Protein backbone atom coordinates (compact mmCIF):
# COMPACT_ATOMS: atom_id res chain seq x y z
CA MET A 1 116.33 85.81 82.44
CA ALA A 2 118.44 88.91 82.97
CA ASP A 3 122.18 88.33 83.39
CA ASN A 4 122.93 91.74 84.78
CA ILE A 5 121.63 95.23 85.38
CA GLN A 6 123.55 98.15 83.99
CA PHE A 7 123.15 101.41 85.88
CA ALA A 8 124.51 104.95 85.97
CA CYS A 9 124.04 108.09 88.04
CA SER A 10 125.41 111.60 87.92
CA ALA A 11 125.15 114.88 89.78
CA THR A 12 125.88 118.39 88.53
CA PRO A 13 126.08 121.14 91.14
CA VAL A 14 124.45 124.23 89.59
CA GLU A 15 124.29 127.88 90.52
CA THR A 16 122.08 130.45 88.84
CA LEU A 17 123.56 133.77 87.82
CA THR A 18 121.46 136.86 87.31
CA SER A 19 122.61 139.39 84.76
CA GLY A 20 121.58 142.90 83.86
CA GLY A 21 120.27 145.72 85.95
CA ASP A 22 116.69 144.53 86.10
CA GLY A 23 117.59 141.01 87.22
CA ALA A 24 115.37 139.44 84.56
CA ALA A 25 117.97 137.38 82.69
CA THR A 26 119.40 134.31 84.43
CA SER A 27 121.66 131.50 83.40
CA ASP A 28 122.75 128.28 85.09
CA ILE A 29 126.41 127.31 85.36
CA ILE A 30 128.39 124.59 87.14
CA ALA A 31 128.81 125.74 90.75
CA GLY A 32 132.22 127.34 91.19
CA GLU A 33 132.78 125.73 94.62
CA VAL A 34 132.74 122.29 93.05
CA GLY A 35 133.73 123.00 89.43
CA LYS A 36 132.58 119.76 87.85
CA SER A 37 129.97 117.04 87.64
CA ILE A 38 130.43 113.71 89.40
CA GLY A 39 129.02 110.37 88.40
CA GLY A 40 129.55 106.69 88.08
CA SER A 41 128.22 103.55 86.46
CA GLY A 42 128.40 99.87 86.89
CA THR A 43 126.88 96.45 86.47
CA ALA A 44 125.08 94.31 89.02
CA VAL A 45 125.07 90.54 88.36
CA VAL A 46 121.63 88.96 88.46
CA SER A 47 121.64 85.31 89.47
CA ASP A 48 117.90 84.91 90.00
CA TYR A 49 115.16 86.85 88.23
CA GLN A 50 112.35 84.48 89.04
CA ASN A 51 111.12 85.61 92.46
CA SER A 52 107.49 86.57 92.91
CA ASN A 53 106.22 89.88 91.52
CA ALA A 54 105.76 91.20 95.10
CA THR A 55 109.38 90.35 95.97
CA GLN A 56 111.18 91.71 92.94
CA GLY A 57 108.75 94.40 91.80
CA TRP A 58 108.49 93.61 88.09
CA GLY A 59 107.52 90.45 86.23
CA GLY A 60 108.80 87.43 88.09
CA SER A 61 107.56 83.89 88.57
CA ASP A 62 103.90 84.87 88.93
CA ALA A 63 103.42 87.85 86.60
CA THR A 64 103.93 88.72 82.96
CA GLY A 65 107.17 90.49 82.10
CA GLY A 66 106.75 94.26 82.31
CA VAL A 67 104.01 94.09 84.97
CA SER A 68 104.85 96.29 87.94
CA TYR A 69 104.02 95.60 91.57
CA TYR A 70 103.40 98.87 93.41
CA VAL A 71 103.98 99.14 97.16
CA ASN A 72 101.42 101.08 99.17
CA CYS A 73 103.54 103.75 100.88
CA VAL A 74 101.32 104.96 103.73
CA ASP A 75 101.41 107.94 106.07
CA ASP A 76 101.11 106.32 109.48
CA SER A 77 103.68 103.51 109.39
CA ALA A 78 106.75 102.42 107.54
CA THR A 79 106.13 99.74 104.88
CA VAL A 80 108.73 97.09 103.95
CA ILE A 81 109.67 97.55 100.27
CA SER A 82 110.38 93.86 99.54
CA ALA A 83 110.93 90.52 101.23
CA GLU A 84 114.10 89.95 99.16
CA SER A 85 116.85 89.30 101.70
CA SER A 86 119.83 88.77 99.38
CA ALA A 87 119.62 91.33 96.59
CA SER A 88 122.44 92.47 94.39
CA PHE A 89 120.49 95.52 93.20
CA ILE A 90 117.50 97.61 94.28
CA ILE A 91 115.95 100.76 92.88
CA ILE A 92 113.02 102.51 94.55
CA LYS A 93 110.98 105.21 92.78
CA ASN A 94 108.35 107.65 94.01
CA THR A 95 105.79 107.50 91.21
CA GLY A 96 104.09 110.70 92.40
CA LYS A 97 100.78 108.85 92.06
CA VAL A 98 98.27 107.71 94.65
CA TYR A 99 98.28 103.98 95.38
CA SER A 100 95.27 102.36 93.71
CA SER A 101 96.28 98.68 93.67
CA ALA A 102 99.41 96.54 93.41
CA THR A 103 99.16 96.75 89.62
CA ALA A 104 97.51 100.11 88.91
CA LEU A 105 98.44 103.73 89.58
CA GLY A 106 95.90 106.25 90.93
CA ALA A 107 95.68 110.01 90.38
CA THR A 108 98.56 112.44 90.93
CA SER A 109 99.24 112.63 94.67
CA GLU A 110 98.33 115.73 96.68
CA THR A 111 101.14 117.94 97.97
CA THR A 112 99.98 117.14 101.50
CA GLY A 113 101.85 113.87 101.20
CA ASP A 114 103.73 113.48 97.93
CA HIS A 115 107.21 112.66 99.23
CA VAL A 116 108.61 109.25 100.20
CA LEU A 117 111.05 108.75 103.08
CA VAL A 118 113.28 105.66 102.53
CA THR A 119 114.78 104.31 105.75
CA LEU A 120 116.79 101.37 106.98
CA VAL A 121 114.99 99.43 109.74
CA ASN A 122 112.70 102.25 111.02
CA THR A 123 111.47 105.75 110.29
CA THR A 124 113.22 107.71 113.07
CA THR A 125 116.86 106.88 112.31
CA ASN A 126 118.94 105.56 109.42
CA LYS A 127 117.41 107.71 106.72
CA LEU A 128 118.54 106.71 103.21
CA ALA A 129 116.61 109.10 100.93
CA PHE A 130 113.74 111.59 100.79
CA LEU A 131 112.21 111.30 97.33
CA ALA A 132 110.11 113.92 95.55
CA PRO A 133 107.70 112.70 92.87
CA GLY A 134 109.65 111.10 90.03
CA GLU A 135 112.86 110.71 92.03
CA ALA A 136 114.59 107.36 92.65
CA PHE A 137 117.11 105.79 95.03
CA MET A 138 119.41 102.94 94.03
CA MET A 139 121.78 100.51 95.78
CA SER A 140 124.03 97.91 94.13
CA ILE A 141 126.49 95.23 95.13
CA GLY A 142 128.89 94.86 92.23
CA GLY A 143 131.59 92.39 91.34
CA THR A 144 132.29 89.55 93.75
CA GLY A 145 130.79 91.42 96.70
CA MET A 146 127.48 89.63 96.14
CA THR A 147 128.77 86.60 98.00
CA ASN A 148 129.56 88.43 101.23
CA HIS A 149 127.69 91.74 101.17
CA VAL A 150 124.10 91.35 99.98
CA ILE A 151 121.35 93.94 100.31
CA ASP A 152 118.60 92.89 102.73
CA CYS A 153 115.57 94.64 101.22
CA SER A 154 113.33 93.40 104.04
CA LYS A 155 115.01 96.06 106.20
CA ILE A 156 114.34 98.91 103.77
CA LYS A 157 111.06 100.78 104.44
CA VAL A 158 109.08 103.60 102.89
CA GLN A 159 106.61 106.13 104.33
CA SER A 160 104.80 109.18 102.90
CA TYR A 161 105.51 112.73 104.04
CA THR A 162 104.93 116.32 102.94
CA SER A 163 107.72 118.09 101.07
CA ALA A 164 108.57 119.89 104.31
CA GLY A 165 109.11 116.56 106.11
CA ALA A 166 105.90 116.66 108.18
CA ALA A 167 103.59 113.72 108.57
CA ALA A 168 101.43 113.17 105.50
CA GLY A 169 97.66 113.39 105.60
CA ALA A 170 95.63 110.26 106.39
CA ALA A 171 94.67 109.66 102.76
CA ASP A 172 98.12 110.25 101.33
CA HIS A 173 99.15 106.77 100.20
CA ILE A 174 101.72 106.87 97.43
CA ALA A 175 102.39 104.14 94.88
CA VAL A 176 106.09 103.27 95.04
CA GLU A 177 107.69 101.12 92.36
CA PHE A 178 110.84 99.09 92.80
CA LEU A 179 113.06 96.44 91.30
CA ALA A 180 114.98 94.16 93.68
CA VAL A 181 116.93 91.23 92.25
CA ASP A 182 119.60 88.82 93.34
C-alpha cells in the first residue's frame, strides 16, 4: 500500500535568440519578461490504494501491481476518466498511442486526432488542459484538505482533438493513462 505520492512540476519560460548575420545560430535563454523558472512540489496522502484497476488506473484490488488501465479517449463524446469520487491525487497522461484495449497500447496516433482535451463536467466549458502526446495534467489535495476538498474524478472527462483544436477523425481514439487515488 502506498502511504503518499510525491510530486513536482516546473515551468521555464524560454525565448530563442538568433545571432550572426545569416541567422543560422540560435540559443535559448530564460525569457526576459519573466526572468526565472517557477515550480513547486508536494505530497498527497494516500489512504486507500485498493480500488479497482478501472477506478485508480494502475494495479488495484483486481490487477497486478504495475498493470495500467487505459481509458479510450474518443473523438465524438467526452469520456469520464475515473469513477473515483474522493481522490487526493490524479494525474492524466496522453500516451500518444491509439487505444487498443484497457491493458494494451496501439500504434502511434495520427496527427488528425493526437491531442486530448481534459474538461470538468463537459467538453464546451470548464477546460482544464489540452495535452499533446506525452504531456500530463495533475491535481492534488495536500495536507488536511483531503477531508473537506476532495477531487471528484467522475466529473473529469477526456476527448480527442487535432492539435489545432478541431474535432478529431472518427478513428482517432487515444489511449489515456491515469492514476487516481484517495
